[in-house]
Amino acid sequence: METKGSLKEMVYDQLVKDITAGIIKPNEILVEGALIKRFQVSKAPVREALIELCKDNFLRSLPRVGYQVVVCSLKEIIDILDFRVDLEISNLKRAFPRITEAALEIFNDYEIWDTQDMKEHNIAEHWIHNQRFHLLLCSLSQNSYTYRSLEQLLKQNARFFSQYYSYAWFHETESKGRFHASIIDALREKDLDRATNLLTSDINAVKVQIQKVIQTGMI
């Protein structure tokens, strides 16, 4: 039997997926009653999921109206990407002296998709794959606080996924995972400078296109 907590998580996770995939659009209004009917659960887990989504800035509460999907500004996206660079690069540098071949074995079973492979997958699958890679890389430092911070940042990244990430994807400015294998190779070769440069390029792959969007008002 599912507990209230697991039902809340189910509703939360599905709504995040729907927002990320663009099924639920930016500025769209979600109504508690409709969600209760959709998920066939009681009011409590739906309300708790909506409150949690508001805390994570996916939604904002509109009294007597419902819950509106928050639009992520382009400036906010760039700020998130800049902070991710700061966090992930400093974490990798801290972890580097302790990274051994044995430590890198966590990537042995990790599917590294090259650019050709990526054409066979949709952008939502790639986003999940990309998050997994960055969290695995972050785990090399064995710093649980940094790991949780990156998890939260990646969750915030999901907010702009449906708005701008797909635009960069189809205009060939998103990296599509092409740096991942090279980052691990650089770490195996004990080349920290190359690894950090590749990691920076990977995180910032979408940034140039976003800056272009800001300048031209293309979206």
N, C-alpha and C. Protein backbone atom coordinates (compact mmCIF):
# COMPACT_ATOMS: atom_id res chain seq x y z
N MET A 1 0.85 -1.20 0.00
CA MET A 1 0.00 0.00 0.00
C MET A 1 0.88 1.25 0.00
N GLU A 2 0.59 2.20 -0.90
CA GLU A 2 1.39 3.41 -0.98
C GLU A 2 1.06 4.35 0.18
N THR A 3 2.08 4.96 0.76
CA THR A 3 1.89 5.92 1.83
C THR A 3 1.61 7.29 1.24
N LYS A 4 1.14 8.19 2.11
CA LYS A 4 0.87 9.56 1.67
C LYS A 4 2.14 10.19 1.11
N GLY A 5 3.29 9.89 1.79
CA GLY A 5 4.56 10.45 1.35
C GLY A 5 4.93 10.00 -0.05
N SER A 6 4.74 8.70 -0.33
CA SER A 6 5.09 8.19 -1.65
C SER A 6 4.14 8.72 -2.71
N LEU A 7 2.87 8.94 -2.35
CA LEU A 7 1.91 9.52 -3.29
C LEU A 7 2.29 10.97 -3.61
N LYS A 8 2.71 11.71 -2.60
CA LYS A 8 3.15 13.09 -2.82
C LYS A 8 4.34 13.12 -3.77
N GLU A 9 5.30 12.20 -3.54
CA GLU A 9 6.48 12.14 -4.41
C GLU A 9 6.10 11.77 -5.83
N MET A 10 5.13 10.87 -5.97
CA MET A 10 4.67 10.48 -7.30
C MET A 10 4.08 11.67 -8.05
N VAL A 11 3.23 12.43 -7.36
CA VAL A 11 2.62 13.61 -7.98
C VAL A 11 3.69 14.64 -8.30
N TYR A 12 4.59 14.89 -7.35
CA TYR A 12 5.67 15.86 -7.54
C TYR A 12 6.52 15.49 -8.75
N ASP A 13 7.00 14.25 -8.78
CA ASP A 13 7.90 13.80 -9.85
C ASP A 13 7.23 13.88 -11.22
N GLN A 14 5.95 13.51 -11.29
CA GLN A 14 5.27 13.54 -12.58
C GLN A 14 5.06 14.97 -13.07
N LEU A 15 4.73 15.87 -12.15
CA LEU A 15 4.54 17.26 -12.55
C LEU A 15 5.85 17.89 -13.00
N VAL A 16 6.95 17.56 -12.32
CA VAL A 16 8.26 18.05 -12.75
C VAL A 16 8.58 17.54 -14.16
N LYS A 17 8.32 16.25 -14.40
CA LYS A 17 8.56 15.68 -15.73
C LYS A 17 7.71 16.38 -16.79
N ASP A 18 6.47 16.66 -16.46
CA ASP A 18 5.58 17.31 -17.41
C ASP A 18 6.01 18.74 -17.71
N ILE A 19 6.48 19.44 -16.68
CA ILE A 19 6.98 20.81 -16.88
C ILE A 19 8.26 20.78 -17.71
N THR A 20 9.16 19.84 -17.37
CA THR A 20 10.43 19.71 -18.07
C THR A 20 10.22 19.38 -19.55
N ALA A 21 9.27 18.49 -19.83
CA ALA A 21 9.02 18.07 -21.20
C ALA A 21 8.19 19.07 -21.99
N GLY A 22 7.69 20.11 -21.32
CA GLY A 22 6.88 21.11 -22.01
C GLY A 22 5.43 20.69 -22.18
N ILE A 23 5.03 19.58 -21.55
CA ILE A 23 3.62 19.16 -21.59
C ILE A 23 2.78 20.16 -20.82
N ILE A 24 3.30 20.59 -19.67
CA ILE A 24 2.71 21.70 -18.93
C ILE A 24 3.52 22.94 -19.29
N LYS A 25 2.90 23.94 -19.83
CA LYS A 25 3.59 25.09 -20.40
C LYS A 25 3.90 26.17 -19.35
N PRO A 26 4.93 27.00 -19.61
CA PRO A 26 5.19 28.16 -18.76
C PRO A 26 3.96 29.05 -18.65
N ASN A 27 3.67 29.49 -17.44
CA ASN A 27 2.51 30.35 -17.12
C ASN A 27 1.18 29.59 -17.05
N GLU A 28 1.19 28.30 -17.36
CA GLU A 28 -0.05 27.52 -17.28
C GLU A 28 -0.53 27.44 -15.83
N ILE A 29 -1.83 27.42 -15.64
CA ILE A 29 -2.43 27.34 -14.30
C ILE A 29 -2.83 25.90 -13.99
N LEU A 30 -2.36 25.39 -12.87
CA LEU A 30 -2.74 24.06 -12.39
C LEU A 30 -3.77 24.22 -11.28
N VAL A 31 -4.81 23.42 -11.32
CA VAL A 31 -5.88 23.48 -10.33
C VAL A 31 -5.87 22.20 -9.51
N GLU A 32 -5.94 22.37 -8.20
CA GLU A 32 -5.85 21.24 -7.28
C GLU A 32 -6.87 20.16 -7.60
N GLY A 33 -8.13 20.54 -7.83
CA GLY A 33 -9.18 19.57 -8.08
C GLY A 33 -8.91 18.72 -9.32
N ALA A 34 -8.42 19.36 -10.37
CA ALA A 34 -8.12 18.63 -11.60
C ALA A 34 -6.98 17.64 -11.40
N LEU A 35 -6.02 18.02 -10.58
CA LEU A 35 -4.88 17.13 -10.31
C LEU A 35 -5.31 15.94 -9.46
N ILE A 36 -6.20 16.18 -8.50
CA ILE A 36 -6.74 15.08 -7.68
C ILE A 36 -7.43 14.06 -8.59
N LYS A 37 -8.20 14.57 -9.54
CA LYS A 37 -8.90 13.68 -10.48
C LYS A 37 -7.91 12.96 -11.39
N ARG A 38 -6.92 13.68 -11.85
CA ARG A 38 -5.93 13.08 -12.76
C ARG A 38 -5.16 11.94 -12.11
N PHE A 39 -4.65 12.20 -10.89
CA PHE A 39 -3.80 11.22 -10.23
C PHE A 39 -4.57 10.20 -9.38
N GLN A 40 -5.90 10.43 -9.23
CA GLN A 40 -6.74 9.50 -8.48
C GLN A 40 -6.21 9.30 -7.05
N VAL A 41 -5.89 10.43 -6.41
CA VAL A 41 -5.42 10.39 -5.02
C VAL A 41 -6.21 11.41 -4.21
N SER A 42 -6.00 11.40 -2.91
CA SER A 42 -6.71 12.35 -2.05
C SER A 42 -6.09 13.75 -2.15
N LYS A 43 -6.72 14.71 -1.49
CA LYS A 43 -6.27 16.10 -1.54
C LYS A 43 -4.87 16.28 -0.93
N ALA A 44 -4.59 15.56 0.19
CA ALA A 44 -3.35 15.82 0.94
C ALA A 44 -2.08 15.66 0.12
N PRO A 45 -1.85 14.51 -0.58
CA PRO A 45 -0.61 14.39 -1.33
C PRO A 45 -0.48 15.37 -2.48
N VAL A 46 -1.62 15.73 -3.10
CA VAL A 46 -1.58 16.72 -4.18
C VAL A 46 -1.19 18.08 -3.62
N ARG A 47 -1.83 18.47 -2.53
CA ARG A 47 -1.52 19.77 -1.94
C ARG A 47 -0.07 19.84 -1.47
N GLU A 48 0.41 18.76 -0.86
CA GLU A 48 1.80 18.73 -0.38
C GLU A 48 2.78 18.81 -1.56
N ALA A 49 2.46 18.13 -2.65
CA ALA A 49 3.31 18.20 -3.84
C ALA A 49 3.33 19.61 -4.41
N LEU A 50 2.19 20.27 -4.46
CA LEU A 50 2.11 21.63 -4.98
C LEU A 50 2.89 22.61 -4.09
N ILE A 51 2.79 22.43 -2.79
CA ILE A 51 3.55 23.28 -1.87
C ILE A 51 5.05 23.09 -2.09
N GLU A 52 5.46 21.84 -2.27
CA GLU A 52 6.87 21.55 -2.51
C GLU A 52 7.34 22.15 -3.83
N LEU A 53 6.51 22.09 -4.84
CA LEU A 53 6.85 22.67 -6.13
C LEU A 53 6.97 24.20 -6.05
N CYS A 54 6.17 24.80 -5.19
CA CYS A 54 6.29 26.24 -4.95
C CYS A 54 7.61 26.56 -4.25
N LYS A 55 7.99 25.73 -3.27
CA LYS A 55 9.26 25.93 -2.57
C LYS A 55 10.44 25.83 -3.54
N ASP A 56 10.32 24.92 -4.51
CA ASP A 56 11.40 24.72 -5.47
C ASP A 56 11.28 25.66 -6.68
N ASN A 57 10.32 26.56 -6.61
CA ASN A 57 10.15 27.63 -7.60
C ASN A 57 9.72 27.13 -8.98
N PHE A 58 9.11 25.94 -9.03
CA PHE A 58 8.49 25.49 -10.27
C PHE A 58 7.13 26.18 -10.44
N LEU A 59 6.45 26.40 -9.32
CA LEU A 59 5.12 26.99 -9.35
C LEU A 59 5.04 28.18 -8.41
N ARG A 60 4.02 29.03 -8.64
CA ARG A 60 3.70 30.07 -7.66
C ARG A 60 2.21 29.94 -7.35
N SER A 61 1.86 30.15 -6.10
CA SER A 61 0.47 30.05 -5.68
C SER A 61 -0.27 31.34 -6.01
N LEU A 62 -1.42 31.20 -6.65
CA LEU A 62 -2.30 32.32 -6.94
C LEU A 62 -3.59 32.10 -6.16
N PRO A 63 -3.78 32.80 -5.04
CA PRO A 63 -4.96 32.58 -4.21
C PRO A 63 -6.26 32.63 -5.00
N ARG A 64 -7.12 31.64 -4.76
CA ARG A 64 -8.45 31.51 -5.37
C ARG A 64 -8.38 31.26 -6.89
N VAL A 65 -7.18 31.02 -7.40
CA VAL A 65 -7.02 30.75 -8.84
C VAL A 65 -6.41 29.37 -9.05
N GLY A 66 -5.24 29.13 -8.46
CA GLY A 66 -4.54 27.87 -8.65
C GLY A 66 -3.04 28.06 -8.50
N TYR A 67 -2.28 27.30 -9.24
CA TYR A 67 -0.82 27.34 -9.17
C TYR A 67 -0.28 27.55 -10.58
N GLN A 68 0.50 28.61 -10.74
CA GLN A 68 1.00 28.98 -12.06
C GLN A 68 2.44 28.51 -12.24
N VAL A 69 2.73 27.96 -13.43
CA VAL A 69 4.09 27.53 -13.75
C VAL A 69 4.98 28.77 -13.91
N VAL A 70 6.06 28.80 -13.15
CA VAL A 70 6.96 29.96 -13.15
C VAL A 70 7.79 29.99 -14.43
N VAL A 71 7.86 31.15 -15.05
CA VAL A 71 8.73 31.35 -16.21
C VAL A 71 10.13 31.69 -15.70
N CYS A 72 11.11 30.97 -16.20
CA CYS A 72 12.50 31.21 -15.80
C CYS A 72 13.10 32.25 -16.75
N SER A 73 13.58 33.37 -16.20
CA SER A 73 14.13 34.41 -17.06
C SER A 73 15.47 33.96 -17.64
N LEU A 74 15.82 34.54 -18.78
CA LEU A 74 17.10 34.21 -19.42
C LEU A 74 18.27 34.59 -18.53
N LYS A 75 18.15 35.73 -17.83
CA LYS A 75 19.21 36.15 -16.91
C LYS A 75 19.39 35.12 -15.80
N GLU A 76 18.28 34.60 -15.29
CA GLU A 76 18.36 33.61 -14.22
C GLU A 76 19.05 32.33 -14.71
N ILE A 77 18.77 31.93 -15.94
CA ILE A 77 19.40 30.74 -16.50
C ILE A 77 20.91 30.90 -16.56
N ILE A 78 21.36 32.05 -17.04
CA ILE A 78 22.80 32.29 -17.14
C ILE A 78 23.44 32.32 -15.76
N ASP A 79 22.75 32.91 -14.78
CA ASP A 79 23.27 32.93 -13.42
C ASP A 79 23.41 31.51 -12.86
N ILE A 80 22.42 30.65 -13.14
CA ILE A 80 22.48 29.26 -12.69
C ILE A 80 23.67 28.55 -13.33
N LEU A 81 23.86 28.73 -14.64
CA LEU A 81 24.96 28.08 -15.34
C LEU A 81 26.31 28.56 -14.81
N ASP A 82 26.43 29.87 -14.54
CA ASP A 82 27.68 30.41 -13.98
C ASP A 82 27.97 29.80 -12.62
N PHE A 83 26.94 29.69 -11.80
CA PHE A 83 27.14 29.12 -10.46
C PHE A 83 27.49 27.64 -10.55
N ARG A 84 26.87 26.94 -11.51
CA ARG A 84 27.22 25.53 -11.69
C ARG A 84 28.69 25.37 -12.06
N VAL A 85 29.20 26.24 -12.92
CA VAL A 85 30.62 26.18 -13.28
C VAL A 85 31.48 26.35 -12.03
N ASP A 86 31.17 27.38 -11.23
CA ASP A 86 31.94 27.63 -10.00
C ASP A 86 31.90 26.41 -9.09
N LEU A 87 30.72 25.85 -8.89
CA LEU A 87 30.56 24.73 -7.96
C LEU A 87 31.24 23.47 -8.47
N GLU A 88 30.97 23.10 -9.72
CA GLU A 88 31.48 21.83 -10.23
C GLU A 88 32.99 21.85 -10.47
N ILE A 89 33.52 22.98 -10.91
CA ILE A 89 34.97 23.06 -11.13
C ILE A 89 35.73 23.02 -9.81
N SER A 90 35.28 23.80 -8.82
CA SER A 90 35.97 23.79 -7.52
C SER A 90 35.87 22.41 -6.87
N ASN A 91 34.74 21.74 -7.04
CA ASN A 91 34.56 20.41 -6.47
C ASN A 91 35.50 19.40 -7.14
N LEU A 92 35.62 19.49 -8.47
CA LEU A 92 36.51 18.57 -9.19
C LEU A 92 37.97 18.80 -8.79
N LYS A 93 38.37 20.05 -8.63
CA LYS A 93 39.74 20.35 -8.21
C LYS A 93 40.01 19.80 -6.81
N ARG A 94 39.03 19.90 -5.93
CA ARG A 94 39.18 19.38 -4.58
C ARG A 94 39.29 17.85 -4.59
N ALA A 95 38.53 17.23 -5.48
CA ALA A 95 38.52 15.77 -5.53
C ALA A 95 39.74 15.20 -6.24
N PHE A 96 40.34 15.97 -7.13
CA PHE A 96 41.35 15.45 -8.05
C PHE A 96 42.49 14.67 -7.39
N PRO A 97 43.09 15.16 -6.31
CA PRO A 97 44.21 14.40 -5.72
C PRO A 97 43.84 12.99 -5.26
N ARG A 98 42.55 12.77 -5.01
CA ARG A 98 42.10 11.47 -4.49
C ARG A 98 41.46 10.59 -5.57
N ILE A 99 41.40 11.09 -6.80
CA ILE A 99 40.76 10.32 -7.86
C ILE A 99 41.71 9.24 -8.37
N THR A 100 41.32 8.01 -8.21
CA THR A 100 42.10 6.86 -8.68
C THR A 100 41.35 6.16 -9.80
N GLU A 101 42.03 5.23 -10.46
CA GLU A 101 41.37 4.44 -11.50
C GLU A 101 40.19 3.68 -10.92
N ALA A 102 40.38 3.21 -9.68
CA ALA A 102 39.28 2.48 -9.02
C ALA A 102 38.07 3.40 -8.80
N ALA A 103 38.34 4.66 -8.43
CA ALA A 103 37.25 5.61 -8.21
C ALA A 103 36.48 5.88 -9.50
N LEU A 104 37.18 5.82 -10.63
CA LEU A 104 36.54 6.10 -11.92
C LEU A 104 35.76 4.91 -12.47
N GLU A 105 35.80 3.80 -11.74
CA GLU A 105 35.06 2.62 -12.19
C GLU A 105 33.55 2.83 -12.20
N ILE A 106 33.09 3.85 -11.45
CA ILE A 106 31.64 4.13 -11.47
C ILE A 106 31.16 4.53 -12.86
N PHE A 107 32.10 4.92 -13.73
CA PHE A 107 31.73 5.32 -15.09
C PHE A 107 31.83 4.16 -16.08
N ASN A 108 32.30 3.01 -15.62
CA ASN A 108 32.49 1.87 -16.53
C ASN A 108 31.19 1.40 -17.15
N ASP A 109 30.12 1.42 -16.35
CA ASP A 109 28.82 0.97 -16.85
C ASP A 109 27.94 2.13 -17.30
N TYR A 110 28.54 3.31 -17.34
CA TYR A 110 27.78 4.51 -17.73
C TYR A 110 27.78 4.63 -19.24
N GLU A 111 26.61 4.72 -19.82
CA GLU A 111 26.49 4.81 -21.27
C GLU A 111 26.91 6.19 -21.74
N ILE A 112 28.05 6.27 -22.43
CA ILE A 112 28.51 7.54 -22.99
C ILE A 112 27.94 7.65 -24.41
N TRP A 113 27.02 8.57 -24.59
CA TRP A 113 26.40 8.77 -25.91
C TRP A 113 27.23 9.76 -26.70
N ASP A 114 27.65 9.39 -27.90
CA ASP A 114 28.32 10.37 -28.74
C ASP A 114 27.26 11.14 -29.52
N THR A 115 27.71 12.07 -30.35
CA THR A 115 26.76 12.95 -31.05
C THR A 115 25.81 12.14 -31.93
N GLN A 116 26.30 11.10 -32.60
CA GLN A 116 25.44 10.28 -33.45
C GLN A 116 24.38 9.57 -32.62
N ASP A 117 24.80 9.02 -31.47
CA ASP A 117 23.84 8.33 -30.60
C ASP A 117 22.74 9.29 -30.16
N MET A 118 23.11 10.52 -29.88
CA MET A 118 22.15 11.47 -29.33
C MET A 118 21.02 11.76 -30.32
N LYS A 119 21.28 11.61 -31.61
CA LYS A 119 20.24 11.86 -32.60
C LYS A 119 19.12 10.83 -32.50
N GLU A 120 19.41 9.72 -31.83
CA GLU A 120 18.42 8.65 -31.71
C GLU A 120 17.61 8.77 -30.43
N HIS A 121 17.88 9.79 -29.63
CA HIS A 121 17.18 9.96 -28.36
C HIS A 121 16.52 11.33 -28.32
N ASN A 122 15.46 11.44 -27.54
CA ASN A 122 14.82 12.75 -27.43
C ASN A 122 15.51 13.57 -26.34
N ILE A 123 15.19 14.85 -26.32
CA ILE A 123 15.91 15.75 -25.42
C ILE A 123 15.62 15.47 -23.95
N ALA A 124 14.43 14.95 -23.64
CA ALA A 124 14.12 14.63 -22.25
C ALA A 124 15.00 13.49 -21.75
N GLU A 125 15.22 12.47 -22.59
CA GLU A 125 16.11 11.37 -22.22
C GLU A 125 17.54 11.87 -22.04
N HIS A 126 17.94 12.77 -22.92
CA HIS A 126 19.29 13.32 -22.79
C HIS A 126 19.45 14.10 -21.49
N TRP A 127 18.42 14.87 -21.12
CA TRP A 127 18.53 15.67 -19.90
C TRP A 127 18.73 14.78 -18.69
N ILE A 128 18.01 13.65 -18.61
CA ILE A 128 18.16 12.71 -17.50
C ILE A 128 19.58 12.14 -17.51
N HIS A 129 20.04 11.76 -18.68
CA HIS A 129 21.39 11.23 -18.85
C HIS A 129 22.45 12.25 -18.41
N ASN A 130 22.25 13.49 -18.81
CA ASN A 130 23.20 14.55 -18.49
C ASN A 130 23.26 14.81 -16.98
N GLN A 131 22.11 14.84 -16.33
CA GLN A 131 22.09 15.02 -14.87
C GLN A 131 22.86 13.90 -14.17
N ARG A 132 22.63 12.67 -14.63
CA ARG A 132 23.28 11.52 -14.01
C ARG A 132 24.80 11.62 -14.11
N PHE A 133 25.28 12.05 -15.27
CA PHE A 133 26.72 12.20 -15.46
C PHE A 133 27.31 13.21 -14.48
N HIS A 134 26.69 14.38 -14.40
CA HIS A 134 27.25 15.44 -13.54
C HIS A 134 27.19 15.07 -12.06
N LEU A 135 26.15 14.35 -11.66
CA LEU A 135 26.08 13.91 -10.26
C LEU A 135 27.12 12.83 -9.96
N LEU A 136 27.35 11.94 -10.91
CA LEU A 136 28.40 10.93 -10.72
C LEU A 136 29.77 11.61 -10.60
N LEU A 137 30.01 12.60 -11.45
CA LEU A 137 31.28 13.32 -11.39
C LEU A 137 31.43 14.04 -10.06
N CYS A 138 30.35 14.66 -9.62
CA CYS A 138 30.36 15.38 -8.34
C CYS A 138 30.65 14.44 -7.18
N SER A 139 30.16 13.21 -7.26
CA SER A 139 30.31 12.25 -6.16
C SER A 139 31.76 11.86 -5.89
N LEU A 140 32.65 12.15 -6.85
CA LEU A 140 34.06 11.79 -6.67
C LEU A 140 34.69 12.51 -5.47
N SER A 141 34.15 13.66 -5.10
CA SER A 141 34.69 14.40 -3.96
C SER A 141 34.22 13.83 -2.63
N GLN A 142 33.17 13.01 -2.67
CA GLN A 142 32.57 12.42 -1.46
C GLN A 142 32.11 13.50 -0.48
N ASN A 143 31.70 14.64 -1.02
CA ASN A 143 31.19 15.74 -0.20
C ASN A 143 29.67 15.78 -0.37
N SER A 144 28.97 15.30 0.64
CA SER A 144 27.51 15.16 0.52
C SER A 144 26.81 16.51 0.37
N TYR A 145 27.36 17.56 1.00
CA TYR A 145 26.73 18.87 0.91
C TYR A 145 26.83 19.41 -0.51
N THR A 146 27.99 19.27 -1.14
CA THR A 146 28.16 19.72 -2.52
C THR A 146 27.24 18.93 -3.45
N TYR A 147 27.13 17.64 -3.20
CA TYR A 147 26.27 16.78 -4.02
C TYR A 147 24.82 17.25 -3.94
N ARG A 148 24.35 17.51 -2.72
CA ARG A 148 22.96 17.97 -2.56
C ARG A 148 22.76 19.33 -3.21
N SER A 149 23.78 20.19 -3.12
CA SER A 149 23.68 21.51 -3.74
C SER A 149 23.57 21.40 -5.26
N LEU A 150 24.37 20.49 -5.83
CA LEU A 150 24.30 20.30 -7.28
C LEU A 150 22.96 19.69 -7.68
N GLU A 151 22.45 18.75 -6.88
CA GLU A 151 21.12 18.19 -7.15
C GLU A 151 20.08 19.29 -7.25
N GLN A 152 20.15 20.24 -6.31
CA GLN A 152 19.19 21.34 -6.30
C GLN A 152 19.37 22.25 -7.51
N LEU A 153 20.62 22.51 -7.89
CA LEU A 153 20.89 23.34 -9.07
C LEU A 153 20.36 22.67 -10.34
N LEU A 154 20.57 21.36 -10.45
CA LEU A 154 20.09 20.64 -11.62
C LEU A 154 18.56 20.64 -11.66
N LYS A 155 17.95 20.61 -10.49
CA LYS A 155 16.50 20.70 -10.43
C LYS A 155 16.04 22.06 -10.95
N GLN A 156 16.77 23.11 -10.59
CA GLN A 156 16.43 24.44 -11.09
C GLN A 156 16.66 24.51 -12.60
N ASN A 157 17.71 23.82 -13.09
CA ASN A 157 17.94 23.77 -14.53
C ASN A 157 16.73 23.19 -15.25
N ALA A 158 16.08 22.21 -14.63
CA ALA A 158 14.92 21.58 -15.25
C ALA A 158 13.81 22.59 -15.51
N ARG A 159 13.76 23.66 -14.72
CA ARG A 159 12.74 24.67 -14.89
C ARG A 159 12.85 25.36 -16.25
N PHE A 160 14.08 25.52 -16.76
CA PHE A 160 14.20 26.20 -18.05
C PHE A 160 14.33 25.23 -19.22
N PHE A 161 14.30 23.95 -18.89
CA PHE A 161 14.49 22.93 -19.93
C PHE A 161 13.53 23.12 -21.09
N SER A 162 12.24 23.16 -20.78
CA SER A 162 11.24 23.21 -21.86
C SER A 162 11.21 24.58 -22.53
N GLN A 163 11.68 25.63 -21.84
CA GLN A 163 11.63 26.97 -22.40
C GLN A 163 12.74 27.24 -23.41
N TYR A 164 13.98 26.86 -23.07
CA TYR A 164 15.11 27.29 -23.87
C TYR A 164 16.07 26.16 -24.28
N TYR A 165 16.10 25.09 -23.50
CA TYR A 165 17.05 24.02 -23.75
C TYR A 165 16.79 23.38 -25.12
N SER A 166 15.52 23.17 -25.45
CA SER A 166 15.19 22.54 -26.73
C SER A 166 15.60 23.44 -27.90
N TYR A 167 15.52 24.75 -27.70
CA TYR A 167 15.94 25.67 -28.75
C TYR A 167 17.42 25.48 -29.05
N ALA A 168 18.23 25.42 -27.99
CA ALA A 168 19.67 25.20 -28.17
C ALA A 168 19.94 23.83 -28.78
N TRP A 169 19.16 22.83 -28.36
CA TRP A 169 19.32 21.47 -28.89
C TRP A 169 19.17 21.45 -30.41
N PHE A 170 18.08 22.01 -30.89
CA PHE A 170 17.79 21.93 -32.32
C PHE A 170 18.65 22.88 -33.15
N HIS A 171 19.29 23.86 -32.49
CA HIS A 171 20.21 24.74 -33.20
C HIS A 171 21.66 24.31 -33.01
N GLU A 172 21.83 23.08 -32.49
CA GLU A 172 23.15 22.44 -32.40
C GLU A 172 24.13 23.21 -31.53
N THR A 173 23.65 23.90 -30.50
CA THR A 173 24.57 24.58 -29.59
C THR A 173 24.63 23.87 -28.24
N GLU A 174 23.73 22.94 -27.96
CA GLU A 174 23.82 22.15 -26.74
C GLU A 174 24.84 21.04 -26.99
N SER A 175 25.62 20.69 -25.97
CA SER A 175 26.75 19.78 -26.17
C SER A 175 26.34 18.35 -26.48
N LYS A 176 25.11 17.94 -26.06
CA LYS A 176 24.61 16.59 -26.30
C LYS A 176 25.55 15.52 -25.76
N GLY A 177 26.24 15.83 -24.67
CA GLY A 177 27.07 14.83 -24.01
C GLY A 177 28.39 14.55 -24.67
N ARG A 178 28.77 15.31 -25.68
CA ARG A 178 29.98 14.95 -26.42
C ARG A 178 31.26 15.17 -25.63
N PHE A 179 31.19 15.95 -24.53
CA PHE A 179 32.38 16.18 -23.72
C PHE A 179 32.57 15.11 -22.65
N HIS A 180 31.56 14.34 -22.35
CA HIS A 180 31.58 13.45 -21.19
C HIS A 180 32.71 12.44 -21.22
N ALA A 181 32.84 11.71 -22.31
CA ALA A 181 33.89 10.70 -22.40
C ALA A 181 35.27 11.33 -22.30
N SER A 182 35.44 12.51 -22.90
CA SER A 182 36.74 13.18 -22.87
C SER A 182 37.10 13.66 -21.47
N ILE A 183 36.10 14.07 -20.69
CA ILE A 183 36.36 14.48 -19.30
C ILE A 183 36.91 13.30 -18.51
N ILE A 184 36.29 12.13 -18.64
CA ILE A 184 36.75 10.95 -17.92
C ILE A 184 38.13 10.53 -18.41
N ASP A 185 38.38 10.61 -19.72
CA ASP A 185 39.71 10.29 -20.26
C ASP A 185 40.77 11.21 -19.66
N ALA A 186 40.45 12.49 -19.56
CA ALA A 186 41.41 13.46 -18.99
C ALA A 186 41.71 13.13 -17.54
N LEU A 187 40.70 12.73 -16.79
CA LEU A 187 40.92 12.37 -15.39
C LEU A 187 41.78 11.11 -15.28
N ARG A 188 41.56 10.16 -16.16
CA ARG A 188 42.38 8.94 -16.16
C ARG A 188 43.84 9.27 -16.50
N GLU A 189 44.03 10.29 -17.33
CA GLU A 189 45.37 10.71 -17.73
C GLU A 189 45.99 11.71 -16.75
N LYS A 190 45.27 11.99 -15.64
CA LYS A 190 45.74 12.92 -14.61
C LYS A 190 45.95 14.34 -15.16
N ASP A 191 45.15 14.72 -16.12
CA ASP A 191 45.26 16.05 -16.72
C ASP A 191 44.11 16.92 -16.20
N LEU A 192 44.34 17.57 -15.07
CA LEU A 192 43.29 18.37 -14.43
C LEU A 192 42.88 19.56 -15.27
N ASP A 193 43.84 20.25 -15.88
CA ASP A 193 43.50 21.43 -16.67
C ASP A 193 42.57 21.07 -17.82
N ARG A 194 42.88 19.99 -18.50
CA ARG A 194 42.03 19.57 -19.62
C ARG A 194 40.65 19.16 -19.12
N ALA A 195 40.61 18.44 -18.01
CA ALA A 195 39.32 18.00 -17.46
C ALA A 195 38.44 19.18 -17.08
N THR A 196 39.03 20.18 -16.42
CA THR A 196 38.23 21.33 -15.99
C THR A 196 37.80 22.19 -17.18
N ASN A 197 38.66 22.31 -18.20
CA ASN A 197 38.28 23.07 -19.39
C ASN A 197 37.13 22.38 -20.13
N LEU A 198 37.19 21.07 -20.21
CA LEU A 198 36.12 20.32 -20.87
C LEU A 198 34.82 20.40 -20.08
N LEU A 199 34.93 20.32 -18.76
CA LEU A 199 33.73 20.40 -17.92
C LEU A 199 33.08 21.78 -18.05
N THR A 200 33.89 22.83 -18.08
CA THR A 200 33.36 24.18 -18.27
C THR A 200 32.64 24.30 -19.61
N SER A 201 33.25 23.75 -20.66
CA SER A 201 32.63 23.80 -21.99
C SER A 201 31.32 23.04 -22.02
N ASP A 202 31.28 21.92 -21.30
CA ASP A 202 30.07 21.10 -21.26
C ASP A 202 28.92 21.85 -20.59
N ILE A 203 29.19 22.47 -19.46
CA ILE A 203 28.14 23.19 -18.73
C ILE A 203 27.67 24.42 -19.52
N ASN A 204 28.62 25.09 -20.18
CA ASN A 204 28.32 26.34 -20.85
C ASN A 204 27.88 26.19 -22.31
N ALA A 205 27.71 24.93 -22.75
CA ALA A 205 27.41 24.73 -24.17
C ALA A 205 26.15 25.47 -24.61
N VAL A 206 25.18 25.59 -23.72
CA VAL A 206 23.91 26.26 -24.08
C VAL A 206 23.99 27.77 -23.87
N LYS A 207 25.02 28.24 -23.20
CA LYS A 207 25.06 29.64 -22.77
C LYS A 207 25.18 30.61 -23.95
N VAL A 208 26.00 30.28 -24.94
CA VAL A 208 26.19 31.17 -26.09
C VAL A 208 24.87 31.40 -26.81
N GLN A 209 24.09 30.31 -26.97
CA GLN A 209 22.81 30.46 -27.65
C GLN A 209 21.84 31.31 -26.83
N ILE A 210 21.87 31.11 -25.51
CA ILE A 210 20.98 31.88 -24.64
C ILE A 210 21.33 33.37 -24.72
N GLN A 211 22.62 33.67 -24.71
CA GLN A 211 23.04 35.07 -24.83
C GLN A 211 22.60 35.67 -26.16
N LYS A 212 22.63 34.85 -27.20
CA LYS A 212 22.17 35.31 -28.51
C LYS A 212 20.67 35.60 -28.46
N VAL A 213 19.93 34.74 -27.74
CA VAL A 213 18.50 34.94 -27.60
C VAL A 213 18.21 36.26 -26.89
N ILE A 214 19.00 36.54 -25.83
CA ILE A 214 18.83 37.78 -25.08
C ILE A 214 19.05 38.99 -25.99
N GLN A 215 20.09 38.92 -26.80
CA GLN A 215 20.46 40.06 -27.65
C GLN A 215 19.47 40.28 -28.79
N THR A 216 18.91 39.20 -29.32
CA THR A 216 18.06 39.33 -30.50
C THR A 216 16.57 39.25 -30.22
N GLY A 217 16.22 38.77 -28.98
CA GLY A 217 14.82 38.60 -28.66
C GLY A 217 14.17 37.53 -29.51
N MET A 218 14.92 36.48 -29.82
CA MET A 218 14.43 35.42 -30.72
C MET A 218 13.35 34.58 -30.05
N ILE A 219 13.31 34.55 -28.70
CA ILE A 219 12.25 33.79 -28.00
C ILE A 219 11.44 34.76 -27.18
